[in-house]
Amino acid sequence: FRHPPKMLFPDVAWRRFHHDHLTLDLGPEEGITLTFLAKKPGPTM
């Protein structure tokens, strides 16, 4: 997926992460995975 138009959060994880993804696994292990960024537990964003 495309980046949001403006990045409001610290950019270190963003550069490493590149894109959020929807992955459709066809085999041998079959499934669907959504990969995205979430807040890491702690006092800072």
All heavy atoms as atom14 arrays in JSON, in Angstrom:
{
  "sequence": "FRHPPKMLFPDVAWRRFHHDHLTLDLGPEEGITLTFLAKKPGPTM",
  "atom14_mask": [
    [1, 1, 1, 1, 1, 1, 1, 1, 1, 1, 1, 0, 0, 0],
    [1, 1, 1, 1, 1, 1, 1, 1, 1, 1, 1, 0, 0, 0],
    [1, 1, 1, 1, 1, 1, 1, 1, 1, 1, 0, 0, 0, 0],
    [1, 1, 1, 1, 1, 1, 1, 0, 0, 0, 0, 0, 0, 0],
    [1, 1, 1, 1, 1, 1, 1, 0, 0, 0, 0, 0, 0, 0],
    [1, 1, 1, 1, 1, 1, 1, 1, 1, 0, 0, 0, 0, 0],
    [1, 1, 1, 1, 1, 1, 1, 1, 0, 0, 0, 0, 0, 0],
    [1, 1, 1, 1, 1, 1, 1, 1, 0, 0, 0, 0, 0, 0],
    [1, 1, 1, 1, 1, 1, 1, 1, 1, 1, 1, 0, 0, 0],
    [1, 1, 1, 1, 1, 1, 1, 0, 0, 0, 0, 0, 0, 0],
    [1, 1, 1, 1, 1, 1, 1, 1, 0, 0, 0, 0, 0, 0],
    [1, 1, 1, 1, 1, 1, 1, 0, 0, 0, 0, 0, 0, 0],
    [1, 1, 1, 1, 1, 0, 0, 0, 0, 0, 0, 0, 0, 0],
    [1, 1, 1, 1, 1, 1, 1, 1, 1, 1, 1, 1, 1, 1],
    [1, 1, 1, 1, 1, 1, 1, 1, 1, 1, 1, 0, 0, 0],
    [1, 1, 1, 1, 1, 1, 1, 1, 1, 1, 1, 0, 0, 0],
    [1, 1, 1, 1, 1, 1, 1, 1, 1, 1, 1, 0, 0, 0],
    [1, 1, 1, 1, 1, 1, 1, 1, 1, 1, 0, 0, 0, 0],
    [1, 1, 1, 1, 1, 1, 1, 1, 1, 1, 0, 0, 0, 0],
    [1, 1, 1, 1, 1, 1, 1, 1, 0, 0, 0, 0, 0, 0],
    [1, 1, 1, 1, 1, 1, 1, 1, 1, 1, 0, 0, 0, 0],
    [1, 1, 1, 1, 1, 1, 1, 1, 0, 0, 0, 0, 0, 0],
    [1, 1, 1, 1, 1, 1, 1, 0, 0, 0, 0, 0, 0, 0],
    [1, 1, 1, 1, 1, 1, 1, 1, 0, 0, 0, 0, 0, 0],
    [1, 1, 1, 1, 1, 1, 1, 1, 0, 0, 0, 0, 0, 0],
    [1, 1, 1, 1, 1, 1, 1, 1, 0, 0, 0, 0, 0, 0],
    [1, 1, 1, 1, 0, 0, 0, 0, 0, 0, 0, 0, 0, 0],
    [1, 1, 1, 1, 1, 1, 1, 0, 0, 0, 0, 0, 0, 0],
    [1, 1, 1, 1, 1, 1, 1, 1, 1, 0, 0, 0, 0, 0],
    [1, 1, 1, 1, 1, 1, 1, 1, 1, 0, 0, 0, 0, 0],
    [1, 1, 1, 1, 0, 0, 0, 0, 0, 0, 0, 0, 0, 0],
    [1, 1, 1, 1, 1, 1, 1, 1, 0, 0, 0, 0, 0, 0],
    [1, 1, 1, 1, 1, 1, 1, 0, 0, 0, 0, 0, 0, 0],
    [1, 1, 1, 1, 1, 1, 1, 1, 0, 0, 0, 0, 0, 0],
    [1, 1, 1, 1, 1, 1, 1, 0, 0, 0, 0, 0, 0, 0],
    [1, 1, 1, 1, 1, 1, 1, 1, 1, 1, 1, 0, 0, 0],
    [1, 1, 1, 1, 1, 1, 1, 1, 0, 0, 0, 0, 0, 0],
    [1, 1, 1, 1, 1, 0, 0, 0, 0, 0, 0, 0, 0, 0],
    [1, 1, 1, 1, 1, 1, 1, 1, 1, 0, 0, 0, 0, 0],
    [1, 1, 1, 1, 1, 1, 1, 1, 1, 0, 0, 0, 0, 0],
    [1, 1, 1, 1, 1, 1, 1, 0, 0, 0, 0, 0, 0, 0],
    [1, 1, 1, 1, 0, 0, 0, 0, 0, 0, 0, 0, 0, 0],
    [1, 1, 1, 1, 1, 1, 1, 0, 0, 0, 0, 0, 0, 0],
    [1, 1, 1, 1, 1, 1, 1, 0, 0, 0, 0, 0, 0, 0],
    [1, 1, 1, 1, 1, 1, 1, 1, 0, 0, 0, 0, 0, 0]
  ],
  "atom14_positions": [
    [[0.83, -1.21, 0.0], [0.0, 0.0, 0.0], [0.86, 1.26, 0.0], [2.0, 1.26, 0.48], [-0.93, -0.01, 1.22], [-2.0, -1.05, 1.12], [-1.82, -2.3, 1.67], [-3.19, -0.78, 0.46], [-2.81, -3.28, 1.57], [-4.18, -1.74, 0.35], [-4.0, -2.99, 0.9], [0.0, 0.0, 0.0], [0.0, 0.0, 0.0], [0.0, 0.0, 0.0]],
    [[0.33, 2.32, -0.54], [1.04, 3.59, -0.59], [1.22, 4.16, 0.81], [0.45, 3.88, 1.73], [0.27, 4.6, -1.45], [0.2, 4.22, -2.92], [-0.38, 5.37, -3.74], [-0.5, 5.0, -5.14], [0.5, 5.02, -6.01], [1.71, 5.38, -5.61], [0.3, 4.67, -7.27], [0.0, 0.0, 0.0], [0.0, 0.0, 0.0], [0.0, 0.0, 0.0]],
    [[2.27, 5.01, 0.95], [2.45, 5.73, 2.19], [1.32, 6.73, 2.39], [0.76, 7.25, 1.42], [3.77, 6.5, 2.17], [4.98, 5.63, 2.05], [5.16, 4.5, 2.81], [6.08, 5.74, 1.27], [6.32, 3.94, 2.5], [6.9, 4.67, 1.56], [0.0, 0.0, 0.0], [0.0, 0.0, 0.0], [0.0, 0.0, 0.0], [0.0, 0.0, 0.0]],
    [[0.98, 7.02, 3.64], [0.05, 8.13, 3.85], [0.69, 9.44, 3.37], [1.92, 9.54, 3.29], [-0.16, 8.12, 5.38], [0.99, 7.37, 5.94], [1.4, 6.39, 4.89], [0.0, 0.0, 0.0], [0.0, 0.0, 0.0], [0.0, 0.0, 0.0], [0.0, 0.0, 0.0], [0.0, 0.0, 0.0], [0.0, 0.0, 0.0], [0.0, 0.0, 0.0]],
    [[-0.12, 10.43, 3.05], [0.43, 11.66, 2.45], [1.38, 12.43, 3.35], [2.24, 13.16, 2.88], [-0.82, 12.48, 2.12], [-1.91, 11.91, 2.98], [-1.59, 10.47, 3.13], [0.0, 0.0, 0.0], [0.0, 0.0, 0.0], [0.0, 0.0, 0.0], [0.0, 0.0, 0.0], [0.0, 0.0, 0.0], [0.0, 0.0, 0.0], [0.0, 0.0, 0.0]],
    [[1.26, 12.26, 4.65], [2.17, 12.95, 5.58], [2.47, 12.03, 6.75], [1.58, 11.41, 7.32], [1.52, 14.25, 6.09], [2.41, 15.04, 7.04], [1.77, 16.37, 7.38], [2.59, 17.12, 8.44], [3.96, 17.42, 7.96], [0.0, 0.0, 0.0], [0.0, 0.0, 0.0], [0.0, 0.0, 0.0], [0.0, 0.0, 0.0], [0.0, 0.0, 0.0]],
    [[3.77, 11.94, 7.07], [4.19, 11.05, 8.16], [4.29, 11.87, 9.45], [5.11, 12.77, 9.55], [5.54, 10.41, 7.83], [5.96, 9.37, 8.83], [4.73, 8.06, 8.96], [5.26, 7.27, 10.47], [0.0, 0.0, 0.0], [0.0, 0.0, 0.0], [0.0, 0.0, 0.0], [0.0, 0.0, 0.0], [0.0, 0.0, 0.0], [0.0, 0.0, 0.0]],
    [[3.45, 11.55, 10.43], [3.38, 12.32, 11.67], [4.24, 11.74, 12.78], [4.35, 12.33, 13.85], [1.92, 12.39, 12.15], [0.93, 13.02, 11.18], [-0.49, 12.91, 11.75], [1.28, 14.48, 10.91], [0.0, 0.0, 0.0], [0.0, 0.0, 0.0], [0.0, 0.0, 0.0], [0.0, 0.0, 0.0], [0.0, 0.0, 0.0], [0.0, 0.0, 0.0]],
    [[4.82, 10.57, 12.55], [5.51, 9.85, 13.61], [7.01, 9.83, 13.34], [7.47, 10.1, 12.23], [4.97, 8.42, 13.71], [3.48, 8.37, 13.95], [2.59, 8.23, 12.89], [2.98, 8.5, 15.23], [1.23, 8.2, 13.11], [1.62, 8.47, 15.46], [0.73, 8.32, 14.4], [0.0, 0.0, 0.0], [0.0, 0.0, 0.0], [0.0, 0.0, 0.0]],
    [[7.83, 9.47, 14.35], [9.27, 9.37, 14.13], [9.56, 8.49, 12.92], [8.95, 7.44, 12.73], [9.78, 8.74, 15.43], [8.77, 9.17, 16.46], [7.45, 9.19, 15.75], [0.0, 0.0, 0.0], [0.0, 0.0, 0.0], [0.0, 0.0, 0.0], [0.0, 0.0, 0.0], [0.0, 0.0, 0.0], [0.0, 0.0, 0.0], [0.0, 0.0, 0.0]],
    [[10.52, 8.9, 12.11], [10.66, 8.29, 10.79], [11.63, 7.11, 10.75], [11.84, 6.53, 9.7], [11.11, 9.34, 9.77], [12.5, 9.92, 10.09], [13.09, 9.58, 11.14], [12.98, 10.72, 9.27], [0.0, 0.0, 0.0], [0.0, 0.0, 0.0], [0.0, 0.0, 0.0], [0.0, 0.0, 0.0], [0.0, 0.0, 0.0], [0.0, 0.0, 0.0]],
    [[12.25, 6.71, 11.85], [13.21, 5.61, 11.8], [12.51, 4.31, 11.43], [12.9, 3.6, 10.48], [13.92, 5.45, 13.17], [14.82, 4.22, 13.14], [14.73, 6.7, 13.47], [0.0, 0.0, 0.0], [0.0, 0.0, 0.0], [0.0, 0.0, 0.0], [0.0, 0.0, 0.0], [0.0, 0.0, 0.0], [0.0, 0.0, 0.0], [0.0, 0.0, 0.0]],
    [[11.44, 3.96, 12.13], [10.7, 2.73, 11.81], [10.08, 2.81, 10.43], [9.98, 1.82, 9.71], [9.61, 2.49, 12.86], [0.0, 0.0, 0.0], [0.0, 0.0, 0.0], [0.0, 0.0, 0.0], [0.0, 0.0, 0.0], [0.0, 0.0, 0.0], [0.0, 0.0, 0.0], [0.0, 0.0, 0.0], [0.0, 0.0, 0.0], [0.0, 0.0, 0.0]],
    [[9.67, 4.01, 10.03], [9.04, 4.17, 8.72], [10.01, 3.81, 7.6], [9.67, 3.09, 6.67], [8.57, 5.62, 8.59], [7.86, 5.92, 7.32], [8.36, 6.6, 6.25], [6.54, 5.54, 6.96], [7.42, 6.67, 5.25], [6.3, 6.03, 5.67], [5.53, 4.83, 7.62], [5.09, 5.84, 5.02], [4.34, 4.65, 6.97], [4.13, 5.15, 5.69]],
    [[11.24, 4.32, 7.7], [12.22, 4.03, 6.65], [12.53, 2.53, 6.58], [12.74, 1.98, 5.52], [13.5, 4.82, 6.92], [13.34, 6.32, 6.73], [14.7, 7.0, 6.6], [14.56, 8.43, 6.52], [14.98, 9.26, 7.46], [15.56, 8.81, 8.55], [14.83, 10.56, 7.32], [0.0, 0.0, 0.0], [0.0, 0.0, 0.0], [0.0, 0.0, 0.0]],
    [[12.58, 1.9, 7.73], [12.89, 0.48, 7.76], [11.71, -0.36, 7.27], [11.88, -1.41, 6.68], [13.25, 0.08, 9.2], [13.74, -1.35, 9.35], [14.22, -1.63, 10.76], [13.13, -1.61, 11.73], [12.99, -0.7, 12.68], [13.87, 0.3, 12.79], [11.97, -0.75, 13.52], [0.0, 0.0, 0.0], [0.0, 0.0, 0.0], [0.0, 0.0, 0.0]],
    [[10.51, 0.13, 7.51], [9.3, -0.65, 7.2], [8.9, -0.57, 5.73], [8.36, -1.51, 5.17], [8.15, -0.13, 8.09], [6.91, -0.95, 8.0], [6.87, -2.22, 8.53], [5.77, -0.45, 7.38], [5.72, -2.99, 8.47], [4.62, -1.21, 7.3], [4.59, -2.47, 7.85], [0.0, 0.0, 0.0], [0.0, 0.0, 0.0], [0.0, 0.0, 0.0]],
    [[9.12, 0.54, 5.1], [8.83, 0.75, 3.68], [7.32, 0.85, 3.41], [6.81, 1.91, 3.11], [9.46, -0.34, 2.8], [10.94, -0.4, 2.91], [11.76, 0.66, 2.57], [11.76, -1.39, 3.34], [13.02, 0.34, 2.79], [13.06, -0.9, 3.26], [0.0, 0.0, 0.0], [0.0, 0.0, 0.0], [0.0, 0.0, 0.0], [0.0, 0.0, 0.0]],
    [[6.58, -0.27, 3.4], [5.15, -0.25, 3.05], [4.38, -1.19, 3.97], [4.91, -2.19, 4.46], [4.93, -0.74, 1.61], [5.45, 0.18, 0.57], [4.78, 1.3, 0.13], [6.61, 0.14, -0.15], [5.49, 1.92, -0.81], [6.6, 1.24, -0.98], [0.0, 0.0, 0.0], [0.0, 0.0, 0.0], [0.0, 0.0, 0.0], [0.0, 0.0, 0.0]],
    [[3.1, -0.84, 4.21], [2.23, -1.84, 4.81], [1.75, -2.77, 3.7], [1.58, -2.35, 2.55], [1.05, -1.22, 5.57], [0.41, -0.03, 4.87], [1.06, 0.55, 4.0], [-0.75, 0.28, 5.18], [0.0, 0.0, 0.0], [0.0, 0.0, 0.0], [0.0, 0.0, 0.0], [0.0, 0.0, 0.0], [0.0, 0.0, 0.0], [0.0, 0.0, 0.0]],
    [[1.58, -4.04, 4.03], [1.34, -5.08, 3.02], [0.12, -5.92, 3.36], [-0.17, -6.17, 4.53], [2.54, -6.04, 2.93], [3.79, -5.43, 2.4], [4.68, -4.72, 3.17], [4.3, -5.43, 1.14], [5.7, -4.31, 2.42], [5.49, -4.73, 1.19], [0.0, 0.0, 0.0], [0.0, 0.0, 0.0], [0.0, 0.0, 0.0], [0.0, 0.0, 0.0]],
    [[-0.54, -6.39, 2.31], [-1.51, -7.48, 2.41], [-0.91, -8.64, 1.64], [-0.68, -8.53, 0.43], [-2.86, -7.08, 1.83], [-3.94, -8.17, 1.85], [-4.34, -8.5, 3.28], [-5.17, -7.73, 1.04], [0.0, 0.0, 0.0], [0.0, 0.0, 0.0], [0.0, 0.0, 0.0], [0.0, 0.0, 0.0], [0.0, 0.0, 0.0], [0.0, 0.0, 0.0]],
    [[-0.62, -9.75, 2.32], [0.03, -10.89, 1.69], [-0.92, -12.08, 1.66], [-1.47, -12.47, 2.69], [1.32, -11.28, 2.45], [2.2, -10.16, 2.47], [2.01, -12.45, 1.77], [0.0, 0.0, 0.0], [0.0, 0.0, 0.0], [0.0, 0.0, 0.0], [0.0, 0.0, 0.0], [0.0, 0.0, 0.0], [0.0, 0.0, 0.0], [0.0, 0.0, 0.0]],
    [[-1.11, -12.63, 0.47], [-1.96, -13.79, 0.27], [-1.05, -15.0, 0.05], [-0.44, -15.14, -1.02], [-2.87, -13.58, -0.94], [-3.6, -12.22, -1.0], [-4.32, -12.06, -2.33], [-4.55, -12.08, 0.16], [0.0, 0.0, 0.0], [0.0, 0.0, 0.0], [0.0, 0.0, 0.0], [0.0, 0.0, 0.0], [0.0, 0.0, 0.0], [0.0, 0.0, 0.0]],
    [[-0.9, -15.84, 1.06], [-0.04, -17.02, 0.95], [-0.81, -18.14, 0.26], [-1.87, -18.58, 0.73], [0.42, -17.48, 2.33], [1.59, -16.67, 2.84], [2.59, -16.58, 2.12], [1.49, -16.1, 3.95], [0.0, 0.0, 0.0], [0.0, 0.0, 0.0], [0.0, 0.0, 0.0], [0.0, 0.0, 0.0], [0.0, 0.0, 0.0], [0.0, 0.0, 0.0]],
    [[-0.25, -18.64, -0.85], [-0.91, -19.67, -1.65], [-0.43, -21.07, -1.34], [-0.99, -22.04, -1.84], [-0.69, -19.37, -3.14], [-1.02, -17.94, -3.6], [-0.75, -17.8, -5.09], [-2.46, -17.59, -3.26], [0.0, 0.0, 0.0], [0.0, 0.0, 0.0], [0.0, 0.0, 0.0], [0.0, 0.0, 0.0], [0.0, 0.0, 0.0], [0.0, 0.0, 0.0]],
    [[0.62, -21.2, -0.57], [1.11, -22.52, -0.2], [2.63, -22.54, -0.1], [3.3, -21.65, -0.61], [0.0, 0.0, 0.0], [0.0, 0.0, 0.0], [0.0, 0.0, 0.0], [0.0, 0.0, 0.0], [0.0, 0.0, 0.0], [0.0, 0.0, 0.0], [0.0, 0.0, 0.0], [0.0, 0.0, 0.0], [0.0, 0.0, 0.0], [0.0, 0.0, 0.0]],
    [[3.17, -23.54, 0.62], [2.46, -24.68, 1.2], [1.61, -24.31, 2.43], [0.65, -24.99, 2.73], [3.58, -25.65, 1.57], [4.77, -24.79, 1.75], [4.63, -23.65, 0.8], [0.0, 0.0, 0.0], [0.0, 0.0, 0.0], [0.0, 0.0, 0.0], [0.0, 0.0, 0.0], [0.0, 0.0, 0.0], [0.0, 0.0, 0.0], [0.0, 0.0, 0.0]],
    [[1.97, -23.25, 3.17], [1.12, -22.77, 4.26], [0.2, -21.71, 3.69], [0.65, -20.71, 3.15], [1.98, -22.23, 5.41], [2.84, -23.3, 6.08], [3.69, -22.74, 7.2], [3.56, -21.52, 7.48], [4.47, -23.5, 7.79], [0.0, 0.0, 0.0], [0.0, 0.0, 0.0], [0.0, 0.0, 0.0], [0.0, 0.0, 0.0], [0.0, 0.0, 0.0]],
    [[-1.11, -21.92, 3.83], [-2.08, -21.09, 3.14], [-2.75, -20.14, 4.13], [-3.23, -20.56, 5.18], [-3.12, -21.98, 2.46], [-2.49, -22.94, 1.45], [-3.45, -24.0, 0.96], [-4.5, -24.21, 1.6], [-3.15, -24.62, -0.08], [0.0, 0.0, 0.0], [0.0, 0.0, 0.0], [0.0, 0.0, 0.0], [0.0, 0.0, 0.0], [0.0, 0.0, 0.0]],
    [[-2.79, -18.85, 3.77], [-3.42, -17.9, 4.66], [-3.32, -16.49, 4.12], [-2.91, -16.25, 2.98], [0.0, 0.0, 0.0], [0.0, 0.0, 0.0], [0.0, 0.0, 0.0], [0.0, 0.0, 0.0], [0.0, 0.0, 0.0], [0.0, 0.0, 0.0], [0.0, 0.0, 0.0], [0.0, 0.0, 0.0], [0.0, 0.0, 0.0], [0.0, 0.0, 0.0]],
    [[-3.7, -15.53, 4.96], [-3.69, -14.11, 4.61], [-3.07, -13.36, 5.77], [-3.45, -13.56, 6.93], [-5.12, -13.58, 4.35], [-5.77, -14.36, 3.2], [-5.1, -12.08, 4.03], [-7.26, -14.06, 3.05], [0.0, 0.0, 0.0], [0.0, 0.0, 0.0], [0.0, 0.0, 0.0], [0.0, 0.0, 0.0], [0.0, 0.0, 0.0], [0.0, 0.0, 0.0]],
    [[-2.11, -12.47, 5.48], [-1.43, -11.7, 6.51], [-1.49, -10.22, 6.17], [-1.19, -9.82, 5.05], [0.04, -12.12, 6.66], [0.1, -13.52, 6.97], [0.73, -11.34, 7.77], [0.0, 0.0, 0.0], [0.0, 0.0, 0.0], [0.0, 0.0, 0.0], [0.0, 0.0, 0.0], [0.0, 0.0, 0.0], [0.0, 0.0, 0.0], [0.0, 0.0, 0.0]],
    [[-1.88, -9.41, 7.14], [-1.86, -7.96, 7.01], [-0.73, -7.45, 7.89], [-0.71, -7.7, 9.1], [-3.19, -7.35, 7.43], [-3.36, -5.85, 7.24], [-3.28, -5.49, 5.75], [-4.69, -5.37, 7.82], [0.0, 0.0, 0.0], [0.0, 0.0, 0.0], [0.0, 0.0, 0.0], [0.0, 0.0, 0.0], [0.0, 0.0, 0.0], [0.0, 0.0, 0.0]],
    [[0.23, -6.75, 7.28], [1.38, -6.21, 8.0], [1.29, -4.69, 8.02], [1.09, -4.07, 6.97], [2.69, -6.65, 7.32], [2.72, -8.07, 7.2], [3.9, -6.2, 8.12], [0.0, 0.0, 0.0], [0.0, 0.0, 0.0], [0.0, 0.0, 0.0], [0.0, 0.0, 0.0], [0.0, 0.0, 0.0], [0.0, 0.0, 0.0], [0.0, 0.0, 0.0]],
    [[1.43, -4.11, 9.2], [1.21, -2.66, 9.34], [2.05, -2.16, 10.51], [2.69, -2.93, 11.23], [-0.28, -2.37, 9.57], [-0.87, -3.13, 10.73], [-0.96, -2.56, 11.99], [-1.31, -4.44, 10.56], [-1.49, -3.26, 13.06], [-1.86, -5.16, 11.63], [-1.93, -4.57, 12.88], [0.0, 0.0, 0.0], [0.0, 0.0, 0.0], [0.0, 0.0, 0.0]],
    [[2.04, -0.84, 10.71], [2.75, -0.24, 11.83], [1.8, 0.01, 12.98], [0.66, 0.45, 12.79], [3.39, 1.08, 11.39], [4.62, 0.96, 10.48], [5.01, 2.31, 9.95], [5.78, 0.31, 11.22], [0.0, 0.0, 0.0], [0.0, 0.0, 0.0], [0.0, 0.0, 0.0], [0.0, 0.0, 0.0], [0.0, 0.0, 0.0], [0.0, 0.0, 0.0]],
    [[2.27, -0.27, 14.19], [1.49, -0.03, 15.41], [2.4, 0.65, 16.43], [3.63, 0.64, 16.31], [0.95, -1.33, 15.96], [0.0, 0.0, 0.0], [0.0, 0.0, 0.0], [0.0, 0.0, 0.0], [0.0, 0.0, 0.0], [0.0, 0.0, 0.0], [0.0, 0.0, 0.0], [0.0, 0.0, 0.0], [0.0, 0.0, 0.0], [0.0, 0.0, 0.0]],
    [[1.79, 1.24, 17.44], [2.58, 1.9, 18.49], [3.27, 0.87, 19.37], [2.66, -0.1, 19.82], [1.69, 2.79, 19.35], [2.47, 3.5, 20.46], [1.55, 4.25, 21.38], [2.33, 4.88, 22.54], [3.02, 3.91, 23.39], [0.0, 0.0, 0.0], [0.0, 0.0, 0.0], [0.0, 0.0, 0.0], [0.0, 0.0, 0.0], [0.0, 0.0, 0.0]],
    [[4.54, 1.09, 19.59], [5.3, 0.23, 20.49], [4.98, 0.61, 21.94], [4.93, 1.8, 22.26], [6.79, 0.42, 20.22], [7.7, -0.58, 20.89], [9.13, -0.36, 20.41], [10.06, -1.39, 21.02], [11.46, -1.19, 20.53], [0.0, 0.0, 0.0], [0.0, 0.0, 0.0], [0.0, 0.0, 0.0], [0.0, 0.0, 0.0], [0.0, 0.0, 0.0]],
    [[4.69, -0.38, 22.8], [4.36, -0.03, 24.19], [5.47, 0.8, 24.83], [6.66, 0.52, 24.66], [4.22, -1.39, 24.87], [3.88, -2.33, 23.76], [4.61, -1.82, 22.56], [0.0, 0.0, 0.0], [0.0, 0.0, 0.0], [0.0, 0.0, 0.0], [0.0, 0.0, 0.0], [0.0, 0.0, 0.0], [0.0, 0.0, 0.0], [0.0, 0.0, 0.0]],
    [[5.06, 1.83, 25.56], [6.03, 2.69, 26.23], [5.56, 4.12, 26.3], [4.51, 4.47, 25.76], [0.0, 0.0, 0.0], [0.0, 0.0, 0.0], [0.0, 0.0, 0.0], [0.0, 0.0, 0.0], [0.0, 0.0, 0.0], [0.0, 0.0, 0.0], [0.0, 0.0, 0.0], [0.0, 0.0, 0.0], [0.0, 0.0, 0.0], [0.0, 0.0, 0.0]],
    [[6.32, 4.97, 26.94], [5.89, 6.36, 27.18], [5.98, 7.25, 25.95], [5.38, 8.34, 25.94], [6.83, 6.84, 28.28], [8.07, 6.01, 28.09], [7.6, 4.67, 27.61], [0.0, 0.0, 0.0], [0.0, 0.0, 0.0], [0.0, 0.0, 0.0], [0.0, 0.0, 0.0], [0.0, 0.0, 0.0], [0.0, 0.0, 0.0], [0.0, 0.0, 0.0]],
    [[6.74, 6.85, 24.92], [6.9, 7.69, 23.74], [6.19, 7.05, 22.55], [5.92, 5.85, 22.54], [8.39, 7.9, 23.41], [8.98, 6.62, 23.15], [9.1, 8.6, 24.56], [0.0, 0.0, 0.0], [0.0, 0.0, 0.0], [0.0, 0.0, 0.0], [0.0, 0.0, 0.0], [0.0, 0.0, 0.0], [0.0, 0.0, 0.0], [0.0, 0.0, 0.0]],
    [[5.93, 7.91, 21.55], [5.26, 7.43, 20.34], [6.28, 6.82, 19.38], [6.82, 7.5, 18.5], [4.49, 8.58, 19.68], [3.7, 8.16, 18.45], [2.43, 6.91, 18.77], [1.18, 7.88, 19.57], [0.0, 0.0, 0.0], [0.0, 0.0, 0.0], [0.0, 0.0, 0.0], [0.0, 0.0, 0.0], [0.0, 0.0, 0.0], [0.0, 0.0, 0.0]]
  ]
}
